[in-house]
């Protein structure tokens, strides 16, 4: 769920029926392989299932049965997002890769 939820974030899950989850809500569910997943609700389906997708993912998750939905998730705390200036070594690597790419095209 990066960038909305970053590593180390503290979340609370408020139990609620799947029908109370609306499009755009963060919600938690138990996946088929028994992992706890927190993703955004994309759409409720007519048969009571919900479709989820992580913010950083292109494809939605498989439809989730109503009984697997644990509730709505809320971010209680997370580290502030900080950008830093690139280090000299990182700039060198980037320039080298760009130059290599340009020389291969010509």
N, C-alpha and C. Protein backbone atom coordinates (compact mmCIF):
# COMPACT_ATOMS: atom_id res chain seq x y z
N UNK A 1 0.81 -1.20 0.00
CA UNK A 1 0.00 0.00 0.00
C UNK A 1 0.85 1.27 0.00
N UNK A 2 2.15 1.12 -0.23
CA UNK A 2 2.98 2.31 -0.33
C UNK A 2 2.49 3.13 -1.50
N UNK A 3 2.36 4.39 -1.48
CA UNK A 3 2.85 5.34 -0.49
C UNK A 3 1.85 5.70 0.61
N UNK A 4 0.60 5.26 0.50
CA UNK A 4 -0.40 5.62 1.52
C UNK A 4 -0.03 5.05 2.89
N UNK A 5 0.44 3.81 2.91
CA UNK A 5 0.85 3.17 4.16
C UNK A 5 2.30 2.76 4.01
N UNK A 6 3.16 3.32 4.83
CA UNK A 6 4.59 3.02 4.74
C UNK A 6 4.99 1.96 5.77
N UNK A 7 6.15 1.34 5.54
CA UNK A 7 6.66 0.33 6.48
C UNK A 7 6.71 0.91 7.89
N UNK A 8 6.30 0.12 8.85
CA UNK A 8 6.35 0.54 10.25
C UNK A 8 5.11 1.30 10.70
N UNK A 9 4.15 1.52 9.83
CA UNK A 9 2.94 2.24 10.21
C UNK A 9 2.12 1.43 11.20
N UNK A 10 1.41 2.13 12.05
CA UNK A 10 0.53 1.48 13.02
C UNK A 10 -0.91 1.70 12.56
N UNK A 11 -1.63 0.60 12.38
CA UNK A 11 -3.01 0.65 11.91
C UNK A 11 -3.95 0.09 12.95
N UNK A 12 -5.18 0.56 12.95
CA UNK A 12 -6.22 -0.08 13.74
C UNK A 12 -7.26 -0.60 12.76
N UNK A 13 -7.87 -1.71 13.12
CA UNK A 13 -8.91 -2.30 12.29
C UNK A 13 -10.20 -2.30 13.10
N UNK A 14 -11.18 -1.57 12.60
CA UNK A 14 -12.47 -1.48 13.27
C UNK A 14 -13.40 -2.51 12.65
N UNK A 15 -13.78 -3.54 13.41
CA UNK A 15 -14.66 -4.56 12.86
C UNK A 15 -15.95 -3.95 12.32
N UNK A 16 -16.34 -4.39 11.15
CA UNK A 16 -17.60 -3.96 10.56
C UNK A 16 -17.99 -4.97 9.49
N UNK A 17 -19.25 -5.04 9.14
CA UNK A 17 -19.67 -5.95 8.07
C UNK A 17 -19.11 -5.46 6.73
N UNK A 18 -18.92 -6.36 5.82
CA UNK A 18 -18.39 -6.01 4.50
C UNK A 18 -19.26 -4.98 3.80
N UNK A 19 -20.55 -5.02 4.05
CA UNK A 19 -21.47 -4.07 3.41
C UNK A 19 -21.24 -2.63 3.83
N UNK A 20 -20.55 -2.41 4.96
CA UNK A 20 -20.28 -1.06 5.42
C UNK A 20 -19.05 -0.46 4.75
N UNK A 21 -18.27 -1.27 4.04
CA UNK A 21 -17.07 -0.79 3.35
C UNK A 21 -17.48 -0.17 2.02
N UNK A 22 -17.04 1.05 1.79
CA UNK A 22 -17.37 1.78 0.56
C UNK A 22 -16.15 1.92 -0.33
N UNK A 23 -16.38 2.23 -1.57
CA UNK A 23 -15.30 2.44 -2.54
C UNK A 23 -14.32 3.48 -1.99
N UNK A 24 -13.03 3.15 -2.01
CA UNK A 24 -12.00 4.05 -1.53
C UNK A 24 -11.58 3.83 -0.09
N UNK A 25 -12.37 3.08 0.69
CA UNK A 25 -12.01 2.79 2.09
C UNK A 25 -10.81 1.86 2.14
N UNK A 26 -9.98 2.04 3.17
CA UNK A 26 -8.95 1.04 3.49
C UNK A 26 -9.64 -0.02 4.32
N UNK A 27 -9.43 -1.27 3.97
CA UNK A 27 -10.06 -2.35 4.72
C UNK A 27 -9.11 -3.53 4.81
N UNK A 28 -9.30 -4.36 5.81
CA UNK A 28 -8.45 -5.53 6.03
C UNK A 28 -9.25 -6.79 5.78
N UNK A 29 -8.55 -7.78 5.24
CA UNK A 29 -9.17 -9.09 5.04
C UNK A 29 -8.12 -10.17 5.16
N UNK A 30 -8.58 -11.41 5.31
CA UNK A 30 -7.69 -12.57 5.39
C UNK A 30 -7.66 -13.21 4.02
N UNK A 31 -6.45 -13.34 3.44
CA UNK A 31 -6.32 -13.91 2.09
C UNK A 31 -6.48 -15.43 2.13
N UNK A 32 -6.55 -16.02 0.95
CA UNK A 32 -6.71 -17.48 0.85
C UNK A 32 -5.56 -18.23 1.50
N UNK A 33 -4.36 -17.62 1.50
CA UNK A 33 -3.20 -18.27 2.14
C UNK A 33 -2.99 -17.78 3.58
N UNK A 34 -4.09 -17.27 4.18
CA UNK A 34 -4.13 -16.89 5.60
C UNK A 34 -3.22 -15.72 5.97
N UNK A 35 -3.01 -14.79 5.06
CA UNK A 35 -2.24 -13.58 5.38
C UNK A 35 -3.21 -12.43 5.60
N UNK A 36 -2.81 -11.51 6.48
CA UNK A 36 -3.59 -10.29 6.71
C UNK A 36 -3.23 -9.30 5.62
N UNK A 37 -4.24 -8.82 4.89
CA UNK A 37 -4.03 -7.88 3.79
C UNK A 37 -4.83 -6.61 4.08
N UNK A 38 -4.19 -5.45 3.90
CA UNK A 38 -4.88 -4.17 3.99
C UNK A 38 -4.74 -3.51 2.62
N UNK A 39 -5.85 -3.39 1.93
CA UNK A 39 -5.89 -2.77 0.61
C UNK A 39 -7.11 -1.85 0.54
N UNK A 40 -7.18 -1.12 -0.55
CA UNK A 40 -8.29 -0.20 -0.76
C UNK A 40 -9.45 -0.92 -1.46
N UNK A 41 -10.68 -0.64 -1.02
CA UNK A 41 -11.87 -1.22 -1.65
C UNK A 41 -12.08 -0.55 -3.00
N UNK A 42 -12.19 -1.36 -4.05
CA UNK A 42 -12.45 -0.82 -5.38
C UNK A 42 -13.95 -0.80 -5.64
N UNK A 43 -14.59 -1.93 -5.36
CA UNK A 43 -16.03 -2.01 -5.63
C UNK A 43 -16.67 -3.18 -4.89
N UNK A 44 -17.88 -2.98 -4.39
CA UNK A 44 -18.65 -4.11 -3.87
C UNK A 44 -19.29 -4.85 -5.05
N UNK A 45 -19.33 -6.16 -4.97
CA UNK A 45 -19.96 -6.95 -6.02
C UNK A 45 -21.38 -7.31 -5.60
N UNK A 46 -22.19 -7.66 -6.56
CA UNK A 46 -23.61 -7.94 -6.29
C UNK A 46 -23.82 -9.15 -5.38
N UNK A 47 -22.86 -10.07 -5.36
CA UNK A 47 -23.03 -11.28 -4.54
C UNK A 47 -22.48 -11.13 -3.12
N UNK A 48 -22.19 -9.89 -2.70
CA UNK A 48 -21.71 -9.65 -1.35
C UNK A 48 -20.20 -9.65 -1.21
N UNK A 49 -19.47 -10.01 -2.24
CA UNK A 49 -18.02 -9.99 -2.19
C UNK A 49 -17.51 -8.57 -2.46
N UNK A 50 -16.26 -8.33 -2.08
CA UNK A 50 -15.63 -7.03 -2.33
C UNK A 50 -14.41 -7.22 -3.21
N UNK A 51 -14.12 -6.22 -4.03
CA UNK A 51 -12.90 -6.23 -4.83
C UNK A 51 -11.95 -5.21 -4.21
N UNK A 52 -10.70 -5.63 -4.01
CA UNK A 52 -9.67 -4.78 -3.41
C UNK A 52 -8.51 -4.60 -4.39
N UNK A 53 -7.73 -3.54 -4.18
CA UNK A 53 -6.48 -3.37 -4.92
C UNK A 53 -5.54 -2.52 -4.07
N UNK A 54 -4.28 -2.90 -4.04
CA UNK A 54 -3.28 -2.09 -3.37
C UNK A 54 -2.97 -0.86 -4.19
N UNK A 55 -2.64 0.25 -3.54
CA UNK A 55 -2.39 1.51 -4.25
C UNK A 55 -1.26 1.40 -5.26
N UNK A 56 -0.26 0.58 -4.96
CA UNK A 56 0.88 0.45 -5.85
C UNK A 56 0.75 -0.68 -6.85
N UNK A 57 -0.41 -1.29 -6.94
CA UNK A 57 -0.61 -2.44 -7.83
C UNK A 57 -1.47 -2.06 -9.03
N UNK A 58 -1.22 -2.71 -10.15
CA UNK A 58 -2.00 -2.43 -11.35
C UNK A 58 -3.29 -3.26 -11.38
N UNK A 59 -3.21 -4.51 -10.94
CA UNK A 59 -4.36 -5.41 -11.03
C UNK A 59 -5.06 -5.55 -9.68
N UNK A 60 -6.37 -5.71 -9.69
CA UNK A 60 -7.09 -5.91 -8.44
C UNK A 60 -6.85 -7.32 -7.88
N UNK A 61 -7.11 -7.46 -6.59
CA UNK A 61 -7.05 -8.77 -5.95
C UNK A 61 -8.26 -9.58 -6.41
N UNK A 62 -8.19 -10.87 -6.18
CA UNK A 62 -9.35 -11.73 -6.45
C UNK A 62 -10.50 -11.27 -5.54
N UNK A 63 -11.75 -11.43 -5.97
CA UNK A 63 -12.88 -11.04 -5.11
C UNK A 63 -12.80 -11.73 -3.75
N UNK A 64 -13.11 -10.96 -2.72
CA UNK A 64 -13.00 -11.45 -1.34
C UNK A 64 -14.40 -11.69 -0.78
N UNK A 65 -14.65 -12.92 -0.29
CA UNK A 65 -15.97 -13.21 0.31
C UNK A 65 -16.21 -12.34 1.54
N UNK A 66 -17.46 -12.06 1.78
CA UNK A 66 -17.89 -11.22 2.90
C UNK A 66 -17.33 -11.70 4.24
N UNK A 67 -17.30 -13.02 4.44
CA UNK A 67 -16.86 -13.57 5.73
C UNK A 67 -15.37 -13.37 6.00
N UNK A 68 -14.58 -13.07 4.96
CA UNK A 68 -13.13 -12.88 5.13
C UNK A 68 -12.75 -11.43 5.46
N UNK A 69 -13.70 -10.51 5.29
CA UNK A 69 -13.43 -9.09 5.56
C UNK A 69 -13.45 -8.87 7.06
N UNK A 70 -12.36 -8.29 7.58
CA UNK A 70 -12.24 -8.05 9.02
C UNK A 70 -12.81 -6.70 9.43
N UNK A 71 -12.66 -5.70 8.57
CA UNK A 71 -13.19 -4.37 8.91
C UNK A 71 -12.40 -3.27 8.24
N UNK A 72 -12.76 -2.04 8.58
CA UNK A 72 -12.10 -0.86 8.02
C UNK A 72 -10.79 -0.61 8.76
N UNK A 73 -9.78 -0.20 8.00
CA UNK A 73 -8.46 0.08 8.58
C UNK A 73 -8.24 1.59 8.62
N UNK A 74 -7.61 2.03 9.69
CA UNK A 74 -7.27 3.45 9.87
C UNK A 74 -5.79 3.55 10.23
N UNK A 75 -5.10 4.50 9.61
CA UNK A 75 -3.70 4.73 9.93
C UNK A 75 -3.64 5.57 11.20
N UNK A 76 -3.07 5.01 12.25
CA UNK A 76 -2.95 5.73 13.52
C UNK A 76 -1.65 6.53 13.59
N UNK A 77 -0.58 5.97 13.04
CA UNK A 77 0.71 6.66 13.06
C UNK A 77 1.60 6.07 11.99
N UNK A 78 2.40 6.93 11.37
CA UNK A 78 3.45 6.47 10.48
C UNK A 78 4.50 7.56 10.36
N UNK A 79 5.71 7.15 10.03
CA UNK A 79 6.80 8.11 9.89
C UNK A 79 6.46 9.10 8.78
N UNK A 80 6.88 10.35 8.94
CA UNK A 80 6.65 11.31 7.87
C UNK A 80 7.43 10.91 6.62
N UNK A 81 6.87 11.23 5.48
CA UNK A 81 7.53 10.94 4.21
C UNK A 81 8.58 12.01 3.97
N UNK A 82 9.82 11.58 3.75
CA UNK A 82 10.91 12.54 3.54
C UNK A 82 11.66 12.20 2.27
N UNK A 83 11.89 13.22 1.50
CA UNK A 83 12.75 13.06 0.33
C UNK A 83 14.15 13.50 0.71
N UNK A 84 15.13 12.85 0.15
CA UNK A 84 16.50 13.26 0.41
C UNK A 84 17.19 13.49 -0.92
N UNK A 85 18.22 14.28 -0.86
CA UNK A 85 19.01 14.53 -2.06
C UNK A 85 19.80 13.26 -2.40
N UNK A 86 19.95 12.96 -3.68
CA UNK A 86 20.72 11.76 -4.04
C UNK A 86 22.18 11.90 -3.66
N UNK A 87 22.79 10.79 -3.32
CA UNK A 87 24.21 10.77 -2.97
C UNK A 87 25.04 10.79 -4.25
N UNK A 88 26.29 11.19 -4.14
CA UNK A 88 27.18 11.30 -5.29
C UNK A 88 27.28 9.95 -6.01
N UNK A 89 27.43 8.89 -5.27
CA UNK A 89 27.54 7.55 -5.87
C UNK A 89 26.29 7.21 -6.68
N UNK A 90 25.12 7.54 -6.14
CA UNK A 90 23.88 7.26 -6.84
C UNK A 90 23.77 8.07 -8.13
N UNK A 91 24.22 9.33 -8.09
CA UNK A 91 24.21 10.15 -9.29
C UNK A 91 25.16 9.60 -10.36
N UNK A 92 26.33 9.14 -9.93
CA UNK A 92 27.28 8.54 -10.87
C UNK A 92 26.68 7.31 -11.56
N UNK A 93 26.04 6.44 -10.77
CA UNK A 93 25.42 5.25 -11.33
C UNK A 93 24.30 5.61 -12.32
N UNK A 94 23.52 6.61 -11.97
CA UNK A 94 22.44 7.04 -12.85
C UNK A 94 22.99 7.61 -14.16
N UNK A 95 23.99 8.47 -14.06
CA UNK A 95 24.59 9.05 -15.26
C UNK A 95 25.23 7.99 -16.13
N UNK A 96 25.91 7.05 -15.53
CA UNK A 96 26.54 5.96 -16.27
C UNK A 96 25.49 5.15 -17.04
N UNK A 97 24.37 4.85 -16.36
CA UNK A 97 23.30 4.09 -17.01
C UNK A 97 22.67 4.89 -18.14
N UNK A 98 22.46 6.18 -17.95
CA UNK A 98 21.91 7.03 -19.00
C UNK A 98 22.84 7.10 -20.21
N UNK A 99 24.12 7.31 -19.96
CA UNK A 99 25.08 7.38 -21.04
C UNK A 99 25.16 6.06 -21.81
N UNK A 100 25.16 4.96 -21.10
CA UNK A 100 25.20 3.65 -21.73
C UNK A 100 23.97 3.44 -22.61
N UNK A 101 22.81 3.86 -22.09
CA UNK A 101 21.57 3.73 -22.86
C UNK A 101 21.59 4.61 -24.12
N UNK A 102 22.10 5.82 -23.99
CA UNK A 102 22.16 6.73 -25.13
C UNK A 102 23.13 6.24 -26.20
N UNK A 103 24.29 5.73 -25.77
CA UNK A 103 25.27 5.27 -26.76
C UNK A 103 24.81 3.99 -27.46
N UNK A 104 24.02 3.19 -26.80
CA UNK A 104 23.50 1.96 -27.43
C UNK A 104 22.44 2.31 -28.47
N UNK A 105 21.71 3.38 -28.27
CA UNK A 105 20.66 3.78 -29.23
C UNK A 105 21.25 4.40 -30.49
N UNK A 106 22.39 5.08 -30.38
CA UNK A 106 22.99 5.75 -31.55
C UNK A 106 23.92 4.79 -32.21
